[in-house]
Protein backbone atom coordinates (compact mmCIF):
# COMPACT_ATOMS: atom_id res chain seq x y z
CA UNK A 1 0.00 0.00 0.00
CA UNK A 2 1.28 3.45 -0.82
CA UNK A 3 2.43 5.51 2.13
CA UNK A 4 -0.11 8.25 1.33
CA UNK A 5 -3.01 5.80 1.32
CA UNK A 6 -1.85 4.23 4.56
CA UNK A 7 -1.60 7.66 6.23
CA UNK A 8 -5.04 8.60 4.93
CA UNK A 9 -6.50 5.37 6.28
CA UNK A 10 -4.94 6.01 9.71
CA UNK A 11 -6.35 9.55 9.81
CA UNK A 12 -9.81 8.34 8.80
CA UNK A 13 -9.68 5.69 11.53
CA UNK A 14 -9.20 8.49 14.07
CA UNK A 15 -11.68 10.96 12.64
CA UNK A 16 -14.32 9.99 10.10
CA UNK A 17 -14.98 13.43 8.62
CA UNK A 18 -11.71 14.97 7.59
CA UNK A 19 -11.15 17.52 4.86
CA UNK A 20 -7.75 16.67 3.39
CA UNK A 21 -7.63 20.06 1.66
CA UNK A 22 -7.47 21.84 5.02
CA UNK A 23 -4.80 21.76 7.71
CA UNK A 24 -5.16 18.27 9.22
CA UNK A 25 -3.79 19.02 12.68
CA UNK A 26 -6.34 21.82 13.13
CA UNK A 27 -9.14 19.28 12.64
CA UNK A 28 -7.98 16.99 15.45
CA UNK A 29 -8.38 17.45 19.17
CA UNK A 30 -5.44 16.69 21.45
CA UNK A 31 -6.44 13.06 22.06
CA UNK A 32 -6.92 12.43 18.34
CA UNK A 33 -3.54 14.00 17.65
CA UNK A 34 -1.85 11.70 20.17
CA UNK A 35 -3.68 8.76 18.65
CA UNK A 36 -2.38 9.78 15.22
CA UNK A 37 1.21 9.88 16.46
CA UNK A 38 0.86 6.48 18.13
CA UNK A 39 -0.70 4.86 15.07
CA UNK A 40 1.90 6.33 12.74
CA UNK A 41 4.68 5.01 14.97
CA UNK A 42 3.12 1.55 15.08
CA UNK A 43 2.23 1.33 11.40
CA UNK A 44 5.55 2.56 10.07
CA UNK A 45 7.72 1.17 12.89
CA UNK A 46 9.26 4.55 13.64
CA UNK A 47 9.70 6.75 16.69
CA UNK A 48 8.50 10.34 16.35
CA UNK A 49 10.64 12.46 18.65
CA UNK A 50 9.33 15.44 20.60
CA UNK A 51 11.17 17.84 18.31
CA UNK A 52 9.21 16.43 15.35
CA UNK A 53 5.86 16.91 17.03
CA UNK A 54 5.18 20.25 15.40
CA UNK A 55 1.97 21.24 13.68
CA UNK A 56 3.84 21.89 10.42
CA UNK A 57 4.84 18.20 10.21
CA UNK A 58 1.19 17.14 10.48
CA UNK A 59 -0.58 19.78 8.40
CA UNK A 60 -1.05 17.49 5.39
CA UNK A 61 -0.32 14.00 4.13
CA UNK A 62 2.69 15.21 2.14
CA UNK A 63 4.40 16.58 5.26
CA UNK A 64 3.56 13.48 7.30
CA UNK A 65 5.04 11.29 4.55
CA UNK A 66 8.19 13.44 4.44
CA UNK A 67 8.64 13.11 8.21
CA UNK A 68 8.10 9.32 8.07
CA UNK A 69 10.62 8.93 5.25
CA UNK A 70 13.21 10.90 7.25
CA UNK A 71 12.71 8.48 10.16
CA UNK A 72 13.32 5.32 8.14
PDB file of N, CA and C in Angstrom:
ATOM      1  N   UNK A   1       0.844  -1.184   0.000  1.00  0.00           N
ATOM      2  CA  UNK A   1       0.000   0.000   0.000  1.00  0.00           C
ATOM      3  C   UNK A   1       0.891   1.249   0.000  1.00  0.00           C
ATOM      4  N   UNK A   2       0.515   2.215  -0.782  1.00  0.00           N
ATOM      5  CA  UNK A   2       1.280   3.453  -0.820  1.00  0.00           C
ATOM      6  C   UNK A   2       1.258   4.125   0.546  1.00  0.00           C
ATOM      7  N   UNK A   3       2.327   4.817   0.846  1.00  0.00           N
ATOM      8  CA  UNK A   3       2.427   5.511   2.134  1.00  0.00           C
ATOM      9  C   UNK A   3       1.276   6.500   2.300  1.00  0.00           C
ATOM     10  N   UNK A   4       0.967   7.253   1.245  1.00  0.00           N
ATOM     11  CA  UNK A   4      -0.106   8.254   1.332  1.00  0.00           C
ATOM     12  C   UNK A   4      -1.433   7.608   1.699  1.00  0.00           C
ATOM     13  N   UNK A   5      -1.739   6.498   1.058  1.00  0.00           N
ATOM     14  CA  UNK A   5      -3.013   5.805   1.322  1.00  0.00           C
ATOM     15  C   UNK A   5      -3.051   5.261   2.742  1.00  0.00           C
ATOM     16  N   UNK A   6      -1.925   4.760   3.207  1.00  0.00           N
ATOM     17  CA  UNK A   6      -1.845   4.231   4.563  1.00  0.00           C
ATOM     18  C   UNK A   6      -2.050   5.354   5.590  1.00  0.00           C
ATOM     19  N   UNK A   7      -1.429   6.502   5.340  1.00  0.00           N
ATOM     20  CA  UNK A   7      -1.597   7.656   6.232  1.00  0.00           C
ATOM     21  C   UNK A   7      -3.051   8.112   6.229  1.00  0.00           C
ATOM     22  N   UNK A   8      -3.639   8.189   5.052  1.00  0.00           N
ATOM     23  CA  UNK A   8      -5.045   8.600   4.929  1.00  0.00           C
ATOM     24  C   UNK A   8      -5.958   7.645   5.696  1.00  0.00           C
ATOM     25  N   UNK A   9      -5.701   6.369   5.579  1.00  0.00           N
ATOM     26  CA  UNK A   9      -6.498   5.366   6.283  1.00  0.00           C
ATOM     27  C   UNK A   9      -6.369   5.530   7.802  1.00  0.00           C
ATOM     28  N   UNK A  10      -5.166   5.792   8.275  1.00  0.00           N
ATOM     29  CA  UNK A  10      -4.943   6.009   9.710  1.00  0.00           C
ATOM     30  C   UNK A  10      -5.732   7.228  10.186  1.00  0.00           C
ATOM     31  N   UNK A  11      -5.638   8.316   9.425  1.00  0.00           N
ATOM     32  CA  UNK A  11      -6.346   9.548   9.810  1.00  0.00           C
ATOM     33  C   UNK A  11      -7.855   9.310   9.842  1.00  0.00           C
ATOM     34  N   UNK A  12      -8.369   8.614   8.840  1.00  0.00           N
ATOM     35  CA  UNK A  12      -9.808   8.336   8.805  1.00  0.00           C
ATOM     36  C   UNK A  12     -10.249   7.408   9.923  1.00  0.00           C
ATOM     37  N   UNK A  13      -9.334   6.566  10.414  1.00  0.00           N
ATOM     38  CA  UNK A  13      -9.682   5.687  11.535  1.00  0.00           C
ATOM     39  C   UNK A  13      -9.807   6.488  12.837  1.00  0.00           C
ATOM     40  N   UNK A  14      -9.166   7.627  12.884  1.00  0.00           N
ATOM     41  CA  UNK A  14      -9.201   8.486  14.069  1.00  0.00           C
ATOM     42  C   UNK A  14     -10.372   9.454  14.014  1.00  0.00           C
ATOM     43  N   UNK A  15     -10.598  10.004  12.824  1.00  0.00           N
ATOM     44  CA  UNK A  15     -11.685  10.965  12.644  1.00  0.00           C
ATOM     45  C   UNK A  15     -12.333  10.710  11.290  1.00  0.00           C
ATOM     46  N   UNK A  16     -13.606  10.388  11.326  1.00  0.00           N
ATOM     47  CA  UNK A  16     -14.316   9.987  10.098  1.00  0.00           C
ATOM     48  C   UNK A  16     -14.420  11.120   9.083  1.00  0.00           C
ATOM     49  N   UNK A  17     -14.783  12.306   9.552  1.00  0.00           N
ATOM     50  CA  UNK A  17     -14.979  13.425   8.624  1.00  0.00           C
ATOM     51  C   UNK A  17     -13.776  14.347   8.670  1.00  0.00           C
ATOM     52  N   UNK A  18     -12.921  14.172   7.688  1.00  0.00           N
ATOM     53  CA  UNK A  18     -11.710  14.971   7.586  1.00  0.00           C
ATOM     54  C   UNK A  18     -11.659  15.585   6.194  1.00  0.00           C
ATOM     55  N   UNK A  19     -11.344  16.854   6.141  1.00  0.00           N
ATOM     56  CA  UNK A  19     -11.146  17.521   4.859  1.00  0.00           C
ATOM     57  C   UNK A  19      -9.643  17.566   4.603  1.00  0.00           C
ATOM     58  N   UNK A  20      -9.176  16.772   3.657  1.00  0.00           N
ATOM     59  CA  UNK A  20      -7.745  16.667   3.389  1.00  0.00           C
ATOM     60  C   UNK A  20      -7.194  17.898   2.670  1.00  0.00           C
ATOM     61  N   UNK A  21      -8.072  18.814   2.280  1.00  0.00           N
ATOM     62  CA  UNK A  21      -7.628  20.064   1.659  1.00  0.00           C
ATOM     63  C   UNK A  21      -7.332  21.144   2.692  1.00  0.00           C
ATOM     64  N   UNK A  22      -7.722  20.897   3.935  1.00  0.00           N
ATOM     65  CA  UNK A  22      -7.466  21.837   5.018  1.00  0.00           C
ATOM     66  C   UNK A  22      -6.363  21.293   5.910  1.00  0.00           C
ATOM     67  N   UNK A  23      -5.837  22.156   6.768  1.00  0.00           N
ATOM     68  CA  UNK A  23      -4.803  21.756   7.709  1.00  0.00           C
ATOM     69  C   UNK A  23      -5.327  20.623   8.589  1.00  0.00           C
ATOM     70  N   UNK A  24      -4.680  19.467   8.504  1.00  0.00           N
ATOM     71  CA  UNK A  24      -5.156  18.275   9.219  1.00  0.00           C
ATOM     72  C   UNK A  24      -5.088  18.422  10.728  1.00  0.00           C
ATOM     73  N   UNK A  25      -3.983  18.941  11.220  1.00  0.00           N
ATOM     74  CA  UNK A  25      -3.795  19.016  12.676  1.00  0.00           C
ATOM     75  C   UNK A  25      -4.849  19.926  13.317  1.00  0.00           C
ATOM     76  N   UNK A  26      -5.316  20.914  12.593  1.00  0.00           N
ATOM     77  CA  UNK A  26      -6.341  21.815  13.128  1.00  0.00           C
ATOM     78  C   UNK A  26      -7.710  21.140  13.238  1.00  0.00           C
ATOM     79  N   UNK A  27      -7.865  20.000  12.607  1.00  0.00           N
ATOM     80  CA  UNK A  27      -9.142  19.278  12.640  1.00  0.00           C
ATOM     81  C   UNK A  27      -9.186  18.208  13.729  1.00  0.00           C
ATOM     82  N   UNK A  28      -8.070  18.020  14.420  1.00  0.00           N
ATOM     83  CA  UNK A  28      -7.981  16.987  15.455  1.00  0.00           C
ATOM     84  C   UNK A  28      -7.906  17.620  16.832  1.00  0.00           C
ATOM     85  N   UNK A  29      -8.571  16.991  17.791  1.00  0.00           N
ATOM     86  CA  UNK A  29      -8.382  17.451  19.168  1.00  0.00           C
ATOM     87  C   UNK A  29      -7.102  16.809  19.705  1.00  0.00           C
ATOM     88  N   UNK A  30      -6.722  17.153  20.914  1.00  0.00           N
ATOM     89  CA  UNK A  30      -5.437  16.693  21.447  1.00  0.00           C
ATOM     90  C   UNK A  30      -5.355  15.169  21.558  1.00  0.00           C
ATOM     91  N   UNK A  31      -6.448  14.524  21.944  1.00  0.00           N
ATOM     92  CA  UNK A  31      -6.438  13.060  22.055  1.00  0.00           C
ATOM     93  C   UNK A  31      -6.330  12.408  20.674  1.00  0.00           C
ATOM     94  N   UNK A  32      -7.003  12.961  19.706  1.00  0.00           N
ATOM     95  CA  UNK A  32      -6.917  12.429  18.343  1.00  0.00           C
ATOM     96  C   UNK A  32      -5.507  12.612  17.785  1.00  0.00           C
ATOM     97  N   UNK A  33      -4.894  13.736  18.110  1.00  0.00           N
ATOM     98  CA  UNK A  33      -3.535  14.000  17.647  1.00  0.00           C
ATOM     99  C   UNK A  33      -2.554  12.987  18.248  1.00  0.00           C
ATOM    100  N   UNK A  34      -2.692  12.718  19.531  1.00  0.00           N
ATOM    101  CA  UNK A  34      -1.848  11.705  20.174  1.00  0.00           C
ATOM    102  C   UNK A  34      -2.091  10.329  19.574  1.00  0.00           C
ATOM    103  N   UNK A  35      -3.335  10.032  19.279  1.00  0.00           N
ATOM    104  CA  UNK A  35      -3.684   8.764  18.650  1.00  0.00           C
ATOM    105  C   UNK A  35      -3.024   8.661  17.268  1.00  0.00           C
ATOM    106  N   UNK A  36      -3.025   9.758  16.538  1.00  0.00           N
ATOM    107  CA  UNK A  36      -2.384   9.779  15.218  1.00  0.00           C
ATOM    108  C   UNK A  36      -0.894   9.469  15.341  1.00  0.00           C
ATOM    109  N   UNK A  37      -0.229  10.113  16.269  1.00  0.00           N
ATOM    110  CA  UNK A  37       1.210   9.876  16.465  1.00  0.00           C
ATOM    111  C   UNK A  37       1.465   8.408  16.796  1.00  0.00           C
ATOM    112  N   UNK A  38       0.696   7.880  17.723  1.00  0.00           N
ATOM    113  CA  UNK A  38       0.860   6.481  18.135  1.00  0.00           C
ATOM    114  C   UNK A  38       0.645   5.525  16.969  1.00  0.00           C
ATOM    115  N   UNK A  39      -0.410   5.749  16.207  1.00  0.00           N
ATOM    116  CA  UNK A  39      -0.705   4.857  15.073  1.00  0.00           C
ATOM    117  C   UNK A  39       0.331   4.974  13.962  1.00  0.00           C
ATOM    118  N   UNK A  40       0.842   6.172  13.739  1.00  0.00           N
ATOM    119  CA  UNK A  40       1.901   6.329  12.740  1.00  0.00           C
ATOM    120  C   UNK A  40       3.155   5.583  13.176  1.00  0.00           C
ATOM    121  N   UNK A  41       3.502   5.714  14.451  1.00  0.00           N
ATOM    122  CA  UNK A  41       4.683   5.012  14.969  1.00  0.00           C
ATOM    123  C   UNK A  41       4.527   3.500  14.829  1.00  0.00           C
ATOM    124  N   UNK A  42       3.359   2.993  15.160  1.00  0.00           N
ATOM    125  CA  UNK A  42       3.124   1.549  15.076  1.00  0.00           C
ATOM    126  C   UNK A  42       3.106   1.063  13.632  1.00  0.00           C
ATOM    127  N   UNK A  43       2.400   1.775  12.792  1.00  0.00           N
ATOM    128  CA  UNK A  43       2.228   1.334  11.402  1.00  0.00           C
ATOM    129  C   UNK A  43       3.532   1.370  10.607  1.00  0.00           C
ATOM    130  N   UNK A  44       4.334   2.395  10.852  1.00  0.00           N
ATOM    131  CA  UNK A  44       5.554   2.561  10.071  1.00  0.00           C
ATOM    132  C   UNK A  44       6.812   2.144  10.834  1.00  0.00           C
ATOM    133  N   UNK A  45       6.605   1.642  12.062  1.00  0.00           N
ATOM    134  CA  UNK A  45       7.721   1.171  12.890  1.00  0.00           C
ATOM    135  C   UNK A  45       8.815   2.234  13.023  1.00  0.00           C
ATOM    136  N   UNK A  46       8.360   3.422  13.429  1.00  0.00           N
ATOM    137  CA  UNK A  46       9.260   4.548  13.643  1.00  0.00           C
ATOM    138  C   UNK A  46       9.013   5.122  15.031  1.00  0.00           C
ATOM    139  N   UNK A  47       9.884   6.010  15.445  1.00  0.00           N
ATOM    140  CA  UNK A  47       9.699   6.755  16.691  1.00  0.00           C
ATOM    141  C   UNK A  47       9.706   8.233  16.334  1.00  0.00           C
ATOM    142  N   UNK A  48       8.602   8.908  16.621  1.00  0.00           N
ATOM    143  CA  UNK A  48       8.499  10.335  16.347  1.00  0.00           C
ATOM    144  C   UNK A  48       8.961  11.073  17.607  1.00  0.00           C
ATOM    145  N   UNK A  49      10.073  11.769  17.491  1.00  0.00           N
ATOM    146  CA  UNK A  49      10.636  12.463  18.648  1.00  0.00           C
ATOM    147  C   UNK A  49       9.843  13.734  18.965  1.00  0.00           C
ATOM    148  N   UNK A  50      10.034  14.217  20.175  1.00  0.00           N
ATOM    149  CA  UNK A  50       9.332  15.435  20.605  1.00  0.00           C
ATOM    150  C   UNK A  50       9.611  16.605  19.669  1.00  0.00           C
ATOM    151  N   UNK A  51      10.838  16.711  19.186  1.00  0.00           N
ATOM    152  CA  UNK A  51      11.173  17.841  18.307  1.00  0.00           C
ATOM    153  C   UNK A  51      10.433  17.764  16.970  1.00  0.00           C
ATOM    154  N   UNK A  52       9.975  16.578  16.588  1.00  0.00           N
ATOM    155  CA  UNK A  52       9.209  16.427  15.346  1.00  0.00           C
ATOM    156  C   UNK A  52       7.709  16.619  15.537  1.00  0.00           C
ATOM    157  N   UNK A  53       7.286  16.728  16.772  1.00  0.00           N
ATOM    158  CA  UNK A  53       5.856  16.914  17.034  1.00  0.00           C
ATOM    159  C   UNK A  53       5.545  18.409  16.951  1.00  0.00           C
ATOM    160  N   UNK A  54       5.483  18.860  15.721  1.00  0.00           N
ATOM    161  CA  UNK A  54       5.177  20.251  15.397  1.00  0.00           C
ATOM    162  C   UNK A  54       4.017  20.246  14.412  1.00  0.00           C
ATOM    163  N   UNK A  55       3.156  21.217  14.537  1.00  0.00           N
ATOM    164  CA  UNK A  55       1.968  21.240  13.681  1.00  0.00           C
ATOM    165  C   UNK A  55       2.323  21.240  12.200  1.00  0.00           C
ATOM    166  N   UNK A  56       3.439  21.855  11.825  1.00  0.00           N
ATOM    167  CA  UNK A  56       3.835  21.892  10.421  1.00  0.00           C
ATOM    168  C   UNK A  56       4.081  20.491   9.858  1.00  0.00           C
ATOM    169  N   UNK A  57       4.577  19.571  10.674  1.00  0.00           N
ATOM    170  CA  UNK A  57       4.835  18.201  10.214  1.00  0.00           C
ATOM    171  C   UNK A  57       3.557  17.395  10.005  1.00  0.00           C
ATOM    172  N   UNK A  58       2.449  17.888  10.549  1.00  0.00           N
ATOM    173  CA  UNK A  58       1.187  17.143  10.478  1.00  0.00           C
ATOM    174  C   UNK A  58       0.086  17.912   9.752  1.00  0.00           C
ATOM    175  N   UNK A  59       0.454  18.955   9.024  1.00  0.00           N
ATOM    176  CA  UNK A  59      -0.576  19.780   8.402  1.00  0.00           C
ATOM    177  C   UNK A  59      -1.222  19.122   7.177  1.00  0.00           C
ATOM    178  N   UNK A  60      -0.483  18.217   6.528  1.00  0.00           N
ATOM    179  CA  UNK A  60      -1.055  17.494   5.389  1.00  0.00           C
ATOM    180  C   UNK A  60      -0.324  16.161   5.208  1.00  0.00           C
ATOM    181  N   UNK A  61      -0.876  15.345   4.348  1.00  0.00           N
ATOM    182  CA  UNK A  61      -0.319  14.004   4.134  1.00  0.00           C
ATOM    183  C   UNK A  61       1.104  14.087   3.584  1.00  0.00           C
ATOM    184  N   UNK A  62       1.352  15.055   2.725  1.00  0.00           N
ATOM    185  CA  UNK A  62       2.686  15.214   2.139  1.00  0.00           C
ATOM    186  C   UNK A  62       3.738  15.450   3.230  1.00  0.00           C
ATOM    187  N   UNK A  63       3.444  16.295   4.185  1.00  0.00           N
ATOM    188  CA  UNK A  63       4.395  16.580   5.264  1.00  0.00           C
ATOM    189  C   UNK A  63       4.557  15.391   6.205  1.00  0.00           C
ATOM    190  N   UNK A  64       3.480  14.683   6.456  1.00  0.00           N
ATOM    191  CA  UNK A  64       3.561  13.480   7.301  1.00  0.00           C
ATOM    192  C   UNK A  64       4.446  12.441   6.613  1.00  0.00           C
ATOM    193  N   UNK A  65       4.231  12.258   5.323  1.00  0.00           N
ATOM    194  CA  UNK A  65       5.040  11.294   4.554  1.00  0.00           C
ATOM    195  C   UNK A  65       6.514  11.685   4.588  1.00  0.00           C
ATOM    196  N   UNK A  66       6.809  12.963   4.416  1.00  0.00           N
ATOM    197  CA  UNK A  66       8.190  13.444   4.442  1.00  0.00           C
ATOM    198  C   UNK A  66       8.831  13.124   5.798  1.00  0.00           C
ATOM    199  N   UNK A  67       8.114  13.379   6.875  1.00  0.00           N
ATOM    200  CA  UNK A  67       8.644  13.112   8.209  1.00  0.00           C
ATOM    201  C   UNK A  67       8.893  11.607   8.394  1.00  0.00           C
ATOM    202  N   UNK A  68       7.956  10.781   7.947  1.00  0.00           N
ATOM    203  CA  UNK A  68       8.100   9.325   8.066  1.00  0.00           C
ATOM    204  C   UNK A  68       9.327   8.851   7.278  1.00  0.00           C
ATOM    205  N   UNK A  69       9.487   9.334   6.072  1.00  0.00           N
ATOM    206  CA  UNK A  69      10.625   8.925   5.249  1.00  0.00           C
ATOM    207  C   UNK A  69      11.961   9.346   5.859  1.00  0.00           C
ATOM    208  N   UNK A  70      11.976  10.461   6.564  1.00  0.00           N
ATOM    209  CA  UNK A  70      13.206  10.895   7.246  1.00  0.00           C
ATOM    210  C   UNK A  70      13.544  10.001   8.420  1.00  0.00           C
ATOM    211  N   UNK A  71      12.520   9.338   8.994  1.00  0.00           N
ATOM    212  CA  UNK A  71      12.713   8.482  10.163  1.00  0.00           C
ATOM    213  C   UNK A  71      13.180   7.076   9.786  1.00  0.00           C
ATOM    214  N   UNK A  72      12.988   6.695   8.550  1.00  0.00           N
ATOM    215  CA  UNK A  72      13.316   5.318   8.142  1.00  0.00           C
ATOM    216  C   UNK A  72      14.788   5.157   7.881  1.00  0.00           C
TER     217      UNK A  72
END
